[in-house]
Amino acid sequence: MVRVNEIQGYLYISCVQTYIINSAKIMFWNERPQPRPRKGVTHHCEICGRSLVDAFRFCSLGCKLGGMKRGDSKLSFTLKMNHT
């Protein structure tokens, strides 16, 4: 896992679910599949199927990379620079 505030300046982390652990907002590097789907959950990771709390597409940075490998041209880790 990695703290969001440590990585967001280096990678564009949109579409990835964040979690709170010990008062720190974090995200996971690798996919986190669940053995069985939970009832009543409407959002799932597009790669490994893990239940997601909000309308995110992926549970981890690794799953976002998997989405990029599938050919989704809208996904990127590249930060957009402000030219001010």
PDB file of N, CA and C in Angstrom:
ATOM      1  N   MET A   1       0.845  -1.178   0.000  1.00  0.00           N
ATOM      2  CA  MET A   1       0.000   0.000   0.000  1.00  0.00           C
ATOM      3  C   MET A   1       0.885   1.235   0.000  1.00  0.00           C
ATOM      4  N   VAL A   2       0.306   2.342  -0.394  1.00  0.00           N
ATOM      5  CA  VAL A   2       1.014   3.611  -0.454  1.00  0.00           C
ATOM      6  C   VAL A   2       0.052   4.715  -0.019  1.00  0.00           C
ATOM      7  N   ARG A   3       0.607   5.714   0.648  1.00  0.00           N
ATOM      8  CA  ARG A   3      -0.214   6.854   1.063  1.00  0.00           C
ATOM      9  C   ARG A   3      -0.536   7.713  -0.156  1.00  0.00           C
ATOM     10  N   VAL A   4      -1.782   8.136  -0.246  1.00  0.00           N
ATOM     11  CA  VAL A   4      -2.228   8.937  -1.379  1.00  0.00           C
ATOM     12  C   VAL A   4      -1.419  10.225  -1.477  1.00  0.00           C
ATOM     13  N   ASN A   5      -1.169  10.881  -0.347  1.00  0.00           N
ATOM     14  CA  ASN A   5      -0.440  12.151  -0.398  1.00  0.00           C
ATOM     15  C   ASN A   5       1.016  11.988  -0.830  1.00  0.00           C
ATOM     16  N   GLU A   6       1.557  10.777  -0.770  1.00  0.00           N
ATOM     17  CA  GLU A   6       2.932  10.541  -1.211  1.00  0.00           C
ATOM     18  C   GLU A   6       3.020  10.219  -2.701  1.00  0.00           C
ATOM     19  N   ILE A   7       1.946   9.733  -3.283  1.00  0.00           N
ATOM     20  CA  ILE A   7       2.005   9.297  -4.683  1.00  0.00           C
ATOM     21  C   ILE A   7       1.288  10.229  -5.651  1.00  0.00           C
ATOM     22  N   GLN A   8       0.329  10.997  -5.171  1.00  0.00           N
ATOM     23  CA  GLN A   8      -0.485  11.785  -6.086  1.00  0.00           C
ATOM     24  C   GLN A   8       0.292  12.862  -6.834  1.00  0.00           C
ATOM     25  N   GLY A   9       1.447  13.240  -6.361  1.00  0.00           N
ATOM     26  CA  GLY A   9       2.284  14.197  -7.081  1.00  0.00           C
ATOM     27  C   GLY A   9       3.086  13.564  -8.204  1.00  0.00           C
ATOM     28  N   TYR A  10       3.098  12.236  -8.263  1.00  0.00           N
ATOM     29  CA  TYR A  10       3.888  11.513  -9.263  1.00  0.00           C
ATOM     30  C   TYR A  10       3.042  10.749 -10.272  1.00  0.00           C
ATOM     31  N   LEU A  11       1.871  10.278  -9.829  1.00  0.00           N
ATOM     32  CA  LEU A  11       0.989   9.501 -10.702  1.00  0.00           C
ATOM     33  C   LEU A  11      -0.425  10.064 -10.660  1.00  0.00           C
ATOM     34  N   TYR A  12      -1.115   9.989 -11.788  1.00  0.00           N
ATOM     35  CA  TYR A  12      -2.521  10.355 -11.876  1.00  0.00           C
ATOM     36  C   TYR A  12      -3.317   9.149 -11.390  1.00  0.00           C
ATOM     37  N   ILE A  13      -3.944   9.274 -10.250  1.00  0.00           N
ATOM     38  CA  ILE A  13      -4.535   8.124  -9.562  1.00  0.00           C
ATOM     39  C   ILE A  13      -6.060   8.079  -9.648  1.00  0.00           C
ATOM     40  N   SER A  14      -6.634   8.767 -10.621  1.00  0.00           N
ATOM     41  CA  SER A  14      -8.092   8.754 -10.756  1.00  0.00           C
ATOM     42  C   SER A  14      -8.582   7.340 -11.031  1.00  0.00           C
ATOM     43  N   CYS A  15      -9.819   7.076 -10.730  1.00  0.00           N
ATOM     44  CA  CYS A  15     -10.511   5.803 -10.957  1.00  0.00           C
ATOM     45  C   CYS A  15     -10.114   4.713  -9.972  1.00  0.00           C
ATOM     46  N   VAL A  16      -9.207   4.981  -9.032  1.00  0.00           N
ATOM     47  CA  VAL A  16      -8.735   3.970  -8.086  1.00  0.00           C
ATOM     48  C   VAL A  16      -9.318   4.254  -6.703  1.00  0.00           C
ATOM     49  N   GLN A  17      -9.929   3.246  -6.100  1.00  0.00           N
ATOM     50  CA  GLN A  17     -10.531   3.349  -4.766  1.00  0.00           C
ATOM     51  C   GLN A  17      -9.463   3.700  -3.728  1.00  0.00           C
ATOM     52  N   THR A  18      -9.768   4.629  -2.851  1.00  0.00           N
ATOM     53  CA  THR A  18      -8.892   4.927  -1.722  1.00  0.00           C
ATOM     54  C   THR A  18      -9.501   4.338  -0.461  1.00  0.00           C
ATOM     55  N   TYR A  19      -8.668   4.110   0.526  1.00  0.00           N
ATOM     56  CA  TYR A  19      -9.080   3.514   1.795  1.00  0.00           C
ATOM     57  C   TYR A  19      -8.462   4.327   2.923  1.00  0.00           C
ATOM     58  N   ILE A  20      -9.062   4.266   4.110  1.00  0.00           N
ATOM     59  CA  ILE A  20      -8.507   4.920   5.293  1.00  0.00           C
ATOM     60  C   ILE A  20      -7.998   3.826   6.233  1.00  0.00           C
ATOM     61  N   ILE A  21      -6.712   3.871   6.534  1.00  0.00           N
ATOM     62  CA  ILE A  21      -6.106   2.939   7.484  1.00  0.00           C
ATOM     63  C   ILE A  21      -5.245   3.755   8.441  1.00  0.00           C
ATOM     64  N   ASN A  22      -5.509   3.620   9.736  1.00  0.00           N
ATOM     65  CA  ASN A  22      -4.790   4.377  10.765  1.00  0.00           C
ATOM     66  C   ASN A  22      -4.764   5.870  10.463  1.00  0.00           C
ATOM     67  N   SER A  23      -5.911   6.407  10.104  1.00  0.00           N
ATOM     68  CA  SER A  23      -6.119   7.831   9.818  1.00  0.00           C
ATOM     69  C   SER A  23      -5.395   8.320   8.565  1.00  0.00           C
ATOM     70  N   ALA A  24      -4.838   7.440   7.786  1.00  0.00           N
ATOM     71  CA  ALA A  24      -4.146   7.833   6.557  1.00  0.00           C
ATOM     72  C   ALA A  24      -4.936   7.342   5.350  1.00  0.00           C
ATOM     73  N   LYS A  25      -5.074   8.197   4.347  1.00  0.00           N
ATOM     74  CA  LYS A  25      -5.723   7.810   3.105  1.00  0.00           C
ATOM     75  C   LYS A  25      -4.682   7.067   2.267  1.00  0.00           C
ATOM     76  N   ILE A  26      -5.009   5.834   1.896  1.00  0.00           N
ATOM     77  CA  ILE A  26      -4.056   4.989   1.178  1.00  0.00           C
ATOM     78  C   ILE A  26      -4.726   4.366  -0.049  1.00  0.00           C
ATOM     79  N   MET A  27      -3.902   3.768  -0.888  1.00  0.00           N
ATOM     80  CA  MET A  27      -4.401   2.909  -1.958  1.00  0.00           C
ATOM     81  C   MET A  27      -3.436   1.751  -2.088  1.00  0.00           C
ATOM     82  N   PHE A  28      -3.917   0.691  -2.689  1.00  0.00           N
ATOM     83  CA  PHE A  28      -3.118  -0.517  -2.795  1.00  0.00           C
ATOM     84  C   PHE A  28      -2.408  -0.583  -4.134  1.00  0.00           C
ATOM     85  N   TRP A  29      -1.223  -1.199  -4.140  1.00  0.00           N
ATOM     86  CA  TRP A  29      -0.443  -1.396  -5.359  1.00  0.00           C
ATOM     87  C   TRP A  29      -1.037  -2.523  -6.199  1.00  0.00           C
ATOM     88  N   ASN A  30      -1.357  -3.648  -5.549  1.00  0.00           N
ATOM     89  CA  ASN A  30      -1.755  -4.865  -6.261  1.00  0.00           C
ATOM     90  C   ASN A  30      -3.239  -5.145  -6.121  1.00  0.00           C
ATOM     91  N   GLU A  31      -3.755  -5.935  -7.055  1.00  0.00           N
ATOM     92  CA  GLU A  31      -5.168  -6.285  -7.026  1.00  0.00           C
ATOM     93  C   GLU A  31      -5.514  -7.005  -5.729  1.00  0.00           C
ATOM     94  N   ARG A  32      -6.782  -6.905  -5.353  1.00  0.00           N
ATOM     95  CA  ARG A  32      -7.236  -7.453  -4.077  1.00  0.00           C
ATOM     96  C   ARG A  32      -8.507  -8.259  -4.280  1.00  0.00           C
ATOM     97  N   PRO A  33      -8.450  -9.345  -5.035  1.00  0.00           N
ATOM     98  CA  PRO A  33      -9.672 -10.106  -5.318  1.00  0.00           C
ATOM     99  C   PRO A  33     -10.310 -10.670  -4.053  1.00  0.00           C
ATOM    100  N   GLN A  34     -11.623 -10.814  -4.113  1.00  0.00           N
ATOM    101  CA  GLN A  34     -12.373 -11.407  -3.005  1.00  0.00           C
ATOM    102  C   GLN A  34     -12.787 -12.811  -3.412  1.00  0.00           C
ATOM    103  N   PRO A  35     -12.842 -13.727  -2.439  1.00  0.00           N
ATOM    104  CA  PRO A  35     -13.217 -15.100  -2.767  1.00  0.00           C
ATOM    105  C   PRO A  35     -14.633 -15.239  -3.307  1.00  0.00           C
ATOM    106  N   ARG A  36     -15.549 -14.402  -2.865  1.00  0.00           N
ATOM    107  CA  ARG A  36     -16.928 -14.469  -3.355  1.00  0.00           C
ATOM    108  C   ARG A  36     -17.521 -13.057  -3.341  1.00  0.00           C
ATOM    109  N   PRO A  37     -18.391 -12.773  -4.298  1.00  0.00           N
ATOM    110  CA  PRO A  37     -19.004 -11.437  -4.352  1.00  0.00           C
ATOM    111  C   PRO A  37     -19.945 -11.198  -3.173  1.00  0.00           C
ATOM    112  N   ARG A  38     -19.989  -9.956  -2.707  1.00  0.00           N
ATOM    113  CA  ARG A  38     -20.889  -9.595  -1.613  1.00  0.00           C
ATOM    114  C   ARG A  38     -22.236  -9.167  -2.173  1.00  0.00           C
ATOM    115  N   LYS A  39     -23.289  -9.513  -1.476  1.00  0.00           N
ATOM    116  CA  LYS A  39     -24.642  -9.146  -1.899  1.00  0.00           C
ATOM    117  C   LYS A  39     -24.883  -7.665  -1.642  1.00  0.00           C
ATOM    118  N   GLY A  40     -25.628  -7.050  -2.541  1.00  0.00           N
ATOM    119  CA  GLY A  40     -26.005  -5.656  -2.374  1.00  0.00           C
ATOM    120  C   GLY A  40     -24.953  -4.660  -2.816  1.00  0.00           C
ATOM    121  N   VAL A  41     -23.823  -5.121  -3.296  1.00  0.00           N
ATOM    122  CA  VAL A  41     -22.768  -4.221  -3.747  1.00  0.00           C
ATOM    123  C   VAL A  41     -22.983  -3.928  -5.227  1.00  0.00           C
ATOM    124  N   THR A  42     -22.987  -2.650  -5.578  1.00  0.00           N
ATOM    125  CA  THR A  42     -23.266  -2.285  -6.965  1.00  0.00           C
ATOM    126  C   THR A  42     -22.021  -1.971  -7.780  1.00  0.00           C
ATOM    127  N   HIS A  43     -20.908  -1.692  -7.123  1.00  0.00           N
ATOM    128  CA  HIS A  43     -19.681  -1.331  -7.842  1.00  0.00           C
ATOM    129  C   HIS A  43     -18.622  -2.401  -7.608  1.00  0.00           C
ATOM    130  N   HIS A  44     -17.970  -2.817  -8.701  1.00  0.00           N
ATOM    131  CA  HIS A  44     -16.924  -3.832  -8.620  1.00  0.00           C
ATOM    132  C   HIS A  44     -15.720  -3.400  -9.442  1.00  0.00           C
ATOM    133  N   CYS A  45     -14.540  -3.822  -9.010  1.00  0.00           N
ATOM    134  CA  CYS A  45     -13.323  -3.576  -9.764  1.00  0.00           C
ATOM    135  C   CYS A  45     -13.445  -4.249 -11.136  1.00  0.00           C
ATOM    136  N   GLU A  46     -13.108  -3.522 -12.180  1.00  0.00           N
ATOM    137  CA  GLU A  46     -13.236  -4.042 -13.546  1.00  0.00           C
ATOM    138  C   GLU A  46     -12.256  -5.171 -13.847  1.00  0.00           C
ATOM    139  N   ILE A  47     -11.193  -5.293 -13.064  1.00  0.00           N
ATOM    140  CA  ILE A  47     -10.187  -6.308 -13.333  1.00  0.00           C
ATOM    141  C   ILE A  47     -10.358  -7.542 -12.441  1.00  0.00           C
ATOM    142  N   CYS A  48     -10.413  -7.351 -11.124  1.00  0.00           N
ATOM    143  CA  CYS A  48     -10.432  -8.514 -10.225  1.00  0.00           C
ATOM    144  C   CYS A  48     -11.799  -8.780  -9.598  1.00  0.00           C
ATOM    145  N   GLY A  49     -12.751  -7.858  -9.750  1.00  0.00           N
ATOM    146  CA  GLY A  49     -14.098  -8.080  -9.241  1.00  0.00           C
ATOM    147  C   GLY A  49     -14.315  -7.710  -7.786  1.00  0.00           C
ATOM    148  N   ARG A  50     -13.325  -7.135  -7.117  1.00  0.00           N
ATOM    149  CA  ARG A  50     -13.485  -6.749  -5.711  1.00  0.00           C
ATOM    150  C   ARG A  50     -14.603  -5.724  -5.571  1.00  0.00           C
ATOM    151  N   SER A  51     -15.367  -5.817  -4.501  1.00  0.00           N
ATOM    152  CA  SER A  51     -16.424  -4.855  -4.201  1.00  0.00           C
ATOM    153  C   SER A  51     -15.800  -3.501  -3.898  1.00  0.00           C
ATOM    154  N   LEU A  52     -16.390  -2.453  -4.457  1.00  0.00           N
ATOM    155  CA  LEU A  52     -15.918  -1.093  -4.226  1.00  0.00           C
ATOM    156  C   LEU A  52     -16.997  -0.293  -3.532  1.00  0.00           C
ATOM    157  N   VAL A  53     -16.579   0.614  -2.667  1.00  0.00           N
ATOM    158  CA  VAL A  53     -17.520   1.406  -1.883  1.00  0.00           C
ATOM    159  C   VAL A  53     -18.206   2.457  -2.742  1.00  0.00           C
ATOM    160  N   ASP A  54     -17.452   3.112  -3.589  1.00  0.00           N
ATOM    161  CA  ASP A  54     -17.985   4.199  -4.407  1.00  0.00           C
ATOM    162  C   ASP A  54     -17.893   3.835  -5.883  1.00  0.00           C
ATOM    163  N   ALA A  55     -18.183   4.796  -6.722  1.00  0.00           N
ATOM    164  CA  ALA A  55     -18.200   4.565  -8.168  1.00  0.00           C
ATOM    165  C   ALA A  55     -16.798   4.630  -8.772  1.00  0.00           C
ATOM    166  N   PHE A  56     -15.838   3.982  -8.156  1.00  0.00           N
ATOM    167  CA  PHE A  56     -14.500   3.870  -8.726  1.00  0.00           C
ATOM    168  C   PHE A  56     -14.494   2.706  -9.703  1.00  0.00           C
ATOM    169  N   ARG A  57     -13.481   2.646 -10.557  1.00  0.00           N
ATOM    170  CA  ARG A  57     -13.390   1.552 -11.528  1.00  0.00           C
ATOM    171  C   ARG A  57     -12.452   0.441 -11.078  1.00  0.00           C
ATOM    172  N   PHE A  58     -11.476   0.778 -10.216  1.00  0.00           N
ATOM    173  CA  PHE A  58     -10.442  -0.180  -9.843  1.00  0.00           C
ATOM    174  C   PHE A  58     -10.177  -0.152  -8.340  1.00  0.00           C
ATOM    175  N   CYS A  59      -9.723  -1.297  -7.796  1.00  0.00           N
ATOM    176  CA  CYS A  59      -9.432  -1.391  -6.361  1.00  0.00           C
ATOM    177  C   CYS A  59      -7.962  -1.092  -6.057  1.00  0.00           C
ATOM    178  N   SER A  60      -7.111  -1.038  -7.078  1.00  0.00           N
ATOM    179  CA  SER A  60      -5.684  -0.839  -6.852  1.00  0.00           C
ATOM    180  C   SER A  60      -5.031  -0.239  -8.090  1.00  0.00           C
ATOM    181  N   LEU A  61      -3.808   0.231  -7.905  1.00  0.00           N
ATOM    182  CA  LEU A  61      -3.051   0.753  -9.034  1.00  0.00           C
ATOM    183  C   LEU A  61      -2.746  -0.350 -10.048  1.00  0.00           C
ATOM    184  N   GLY A  62      -2.512  -1.557  -9.560  1.00  0.00           N
ATOM    185  CA  GLY A  62      -2.258  -2.691 -10.450  1.00  0.00           C
ATOM    186  C   GLY A  62      -3.450  -3.007 -11.330  1.00  0.00           C
ATOM    187  N   CYS A  63      -4.649  -2.893 -10.774  1.00  0.00           N
ATOM    188  CA  CYS A  63      -5.847  -3.140 -11.576  1.00  0.00           C
ATOM    189  C   CYS A  63      -6.046  -2.029 -12.603  1.00  0.00           C
ATOM    190  N   LYS A  64      -5.709  -0.788 -12.245  1.00  0.00           N
ATOM    191  CA  LYS A  64      -5.789   0.296 -13.227  1.00  0.00           C
ATOM    192  C   LYS A  64      -4.816   0.007 -14.375  1.00  0.00           C
ATOM    193  N   LEU A  65      -3.624  -0.463 -14.056  1.00  0.00           N
ATOM    194  CA  LEU A  65      -2.665  -0.841 -15.083  1.00  0.00           C
ATOM    195  C   LEU A  65      -3.246  -1.943 -15.970  1.00  0.00           C
ATOM    196  N   GLY A  66      -3.947  -2.893 -15.360  1.00  0.00           N
ATOM    197  CA  GLY A  66      -4.614  -3.942 -16.123  1.00  0.00           C
ATOM    198  C   GLY A  66      -5.632  -3.371 -17.090  1.00  0.00           C
ATOM    199  N   GLY A  67      -6.356  -2.343 -16.671  1.00  0.00           N
ATOM    200  CA  GLY A  67      -7.310  -1.671 -17.551  1.00  0.00           C
ATOM    201  C   GLY A  67      -6.609  -0.977 -18.706  1.00  0.00           C
ATOM    202  N   MET A  68      -5.444  -0.417 -18.424  1.00  0.00           N
ATOM    203  CA  MET A  68      -4.660   0.227 -19.474  1.00  0.00           C
ATOM    204  C   MET A  68      -4.157  -0.815 -20.475  1.00  0.00           C
ATOM    205  N   LYS A  69      -3.733  -1.973 -19.972  1.00  0.00           N
ATOM    206  CA  LYS A  69      -3.240  -3.039 -20.846  1.00  0.00           C
ATOM    207  C   LYS A  69      -4.344  -3.588 -21.737  1.00  0.00           C
ATOM    208  N   ARG A  70      -5.571  -3.517 -21.271  1.00  0.00           N
ATOM    209  CA  ARG A  70      -6.719  -3.967 -22.074  1.00  0.00           C
ATOM    210  C   ARG A  70      -6.962  -3.047 -23.266  1.00  0.00           C
ATOM    211  N   GLY A  71      -6.379  -1.860 -23.204  1.00  0.00           N
ATOM    212  CA  GLY A  71      -6.514  -0.938 -24.328  1.00  0.00           C
ATOM    213  C   GLY A  71      -7.431   0.244 -24.084  1.00  0.00           C
ATOM    214  N   ASP A  72      -7.792   0.521 -22.836  1.00  0.00           N
ATOM    215  CA  ASP A  72      -8.637   1.677 -22.541  1.00  0.00           C
ATOM    216  C   ASP A  72      -7.785   2.937 -22.683  1.00  0.00           C
ATOM    217  N   SER A  73      -7.937   3.640 -23.791  1.00  0.00           N
ATOM    218  CA  SER A  73      -7.099   4.805 -24.095  1.00  0.00           C
ATOM    219  C   SER A  73      -7.395   6.008 -23.201  1.00  0.00           C
ATOM    220  N   LYS A  74      -8.481   5.979 -22.445  1.00  0.00           N
ATOM    221  CA  LYS A  74      -8.814   7.085 -21.548  1.00  0.00           C
ATOM    222  C   LYS A  74      -8.050   7.009 -20.230  1.00  0.00           C
ATOM    223  N   LEU A  75      -7.427   5.860 -19.941  1.00  0.00           N
ATOM    224  CA  LEU A  75      -6.696   5.680 -18.692  1.00  0.00           C
ATOM    225  C   LEU A  75      -5.238   6.065 -18.853  1.00  0.00           C
ATOM    226  N   SER A  76      -4.682   6.667 -17.795  1.00  0.00           N
ATOM    227  CA  SER A  76      -3.286   7.070 -17.815  1.00  0.00           C
ATOM    228  C   SER A  76      -2.799   7.260 -16.379  1.00  0.00           C
ATOM    229  N   PHE A  77      -1.499   7.145 -16.188  1.00  0.00           N
ATOM    230  CA  PHE A  77      -0.875   7.509 -14.921  1.00  0.00           C
ATOM    231  C   PHE A  77      -0.170   8.854 -15.047  1.00  0.00           C
ATOM    232  N   THR A  78      -0.185   9.448 -16.238  1.00  0.00           N
ATOM    233  CA  THR A  78       0.523  10.694 -16.496  1.00  0.00           C
ATOM    234  C   THR A  78      -0.229  11.867 -15.893  1.00  0.00           C
ATOM    235  N   LEU A  79       0.479  12.670 -15.125  1.00  0.00           N
ATOM    236  CA  LEU A  79      -0.123  13.860 -14.532  1.00  0.00           C
ATOM    237  C   LEU A  79      -0.290  14.927 -15.601  1.00  0.00           C
ATOM    238  N   LYS A  80      -1.376  15.657 -15.516  1.00  0.00           N
ATOM    239  CA  LYS A  80      -1.575  16.799 -16.396  1.00  0.00           C
ATOM    240  C   LYS A  80      -0.954  18.013 -15.723  1.00  0.00           C
ATOM    241  N   MET A  81      -0.058  18.664 -16.409  1.00  0.00           N
ATOM    242  CA  MET A  81       0.655  19.801 -15.835  1.00  0.00           C
ATOM    243  C   MET A  81      -0.141  21.093 -16.023  1.00  0.00           C
ATOM    244  N   ASN A  82      -0.121  21.944 -14.997  1.00  0.00           N
ATOM    245  CA  ASN A  82      -0.716  23.265 -15.099  1.00  0.00           C
ATOM    246  C   ASN A  82       0.305  24.206 -15.696  1.00  0.00           C
ATOM    247  N   HIS A  83      -0.058  24.929 -16.720  1.00  0.00           N
ATOM    248  CA  HIS A  83       0.842  25.891 -17.362  1.00  0.00           C
ATOM    249  C   HIS A  83       0.411  27.295 -16.994  1.00  0.00           C
ATOM    250  N   THR A  84       0.691  27.691 -15.740  1.00  0.00           N
ATOM    251  CA  THR A  84       0.287  29.022 -15.290  1.00  0.00           C
ATOM    252  C   THR A  84       1.472  29.901 -15.062  1.00  0.00           C
TER     253      THR A  84
END
